[in-house]
Amino acid sequence: MKHEIHGSSSASAVYGLGFIGAAVYYISHAAGFWQGALGFLKALVWPAFLVYQALKAVGG
């Protein structure tokens, strides 16, 4: 059996560019190595921060 996965390449591109931008931002603002490592991990989950802040702003 052949399984096909259909996804949006534009969504992947947006996530990828967002990841790079978030990683650069967090790492450039880090004062030390471990803060930079934490910044890299934060960059992996930046959409969660975005959704959280959006829901907080609209009172959801």
Protein backbone atom coordinates (compact mmCIF):
# COMPACT_ATOMS: atom_id res chain seq x y z
CA MET A 1 0.00 0.00 0.00
CA LYS A 2 1.18 3.44 -0.85
CA HIS A 3 0.48 6.25 1.62
CA GLU A 4 0.48 9.78 0.34
CA ILE A 5 0.76 12.76 2.62
CA HIS A 6 -0.56 15.99 1.24
CA GLY A 7 0.63 19.16 2.91
CA SER A 8 0.95 22.80 2.23
CA SER A 9 4.42 23.75 1.14
CA SER A 10 3.61 27.43 1.71
CA ALA A 11 2.79 26.70 5.36
CA SER A 12 6.10 24.87 5.69
CA ALA A 13 7.91 27.83 4.17
CA VAL A 14 6.24 30.26 6.57
CA TYR A 15 7.11 28.06 9.53
CA GLY A 16 10.69 27.67 8.30
CA LEU A 17 11.21 31.40 7.82
CA GLY A 18 9.56 32.06 11.17
CA PHE A 19 11.86 29.53 12.82
CA ILE A 20 14.95 31.18 11.34
CA GLY A 21 13.77 34.64 12.35
CA ALA A 22 12.86 33.53 15.88
CA ALA A 23 16.17 31.69 16.29
CA VAL A 24 18.14 34.76 15.19
CA TYR A 25 16.11 36.99 17.51
CA TYR A 26 16.34 34.78 20.60
CA ILE A 27 19.99 33.85 20.12
CA SER A 28 21.06 37.44 19.41
CA HIS A 29 19.41 38.57 22.66
CA ALA A 30 20.98 35.79 24.73
CA ALA A 31 23.57 36.76 27.32
CA GLY A 32 25.18 33.33 27.50
CA PHE A 33 25.34 29.88 25.95
CA TRP A 34 22.45 28.37 27.89
CA GLN A 35 20.19 31.31 27.17
CA GLY A 36 21.06 30.85 23.50
CA ALA A 37 20.22 27.14 23.74
CA LEU A 38 16.89 28.01 25.37
CA GLY A 39 16.32 30.56 22.60
CA PHE A 40 16.82 27.84 20.01
CA LEU A 41 14.20 25.68 21.76
CA LYS A 42 11.82 28.63 21.94
CA ALA A 43 12.32 29.16 18.20
CA LEU A 44 11.07 25.61 17.59
CA VAL A 45 7.74 26.35 19.26
CA TRP A 46 7.21 29.99 18.23
CA PRO A 47 3.73 29.30 16.80
CA ALA A 48 2.54 28.31 20.27
CA PHE A 49 3.71 31.68 21.64
CA LEU A 50 1.99 33.45 18.76
CA VAL A 51 -1.35 31.70 19.28
CA TYR A 52 -1.17 32.19 23.06
CA GLN A 53 -0.59 35.93 22.72
CA ALA A 54 -3.30 36.26 20.06
CA LEU A 55 -5.87 34.51 22.24
CA LYS A 56 -4.79 36.56 25.24
CA ALA A 57 -5.28 39.77 23.22
CA VAL A 58 -8.81 38.89 22.11
CA GLY A 59 -9.78 37.58 25.53
CA GLY A 60 -10.17 33.98 24.42
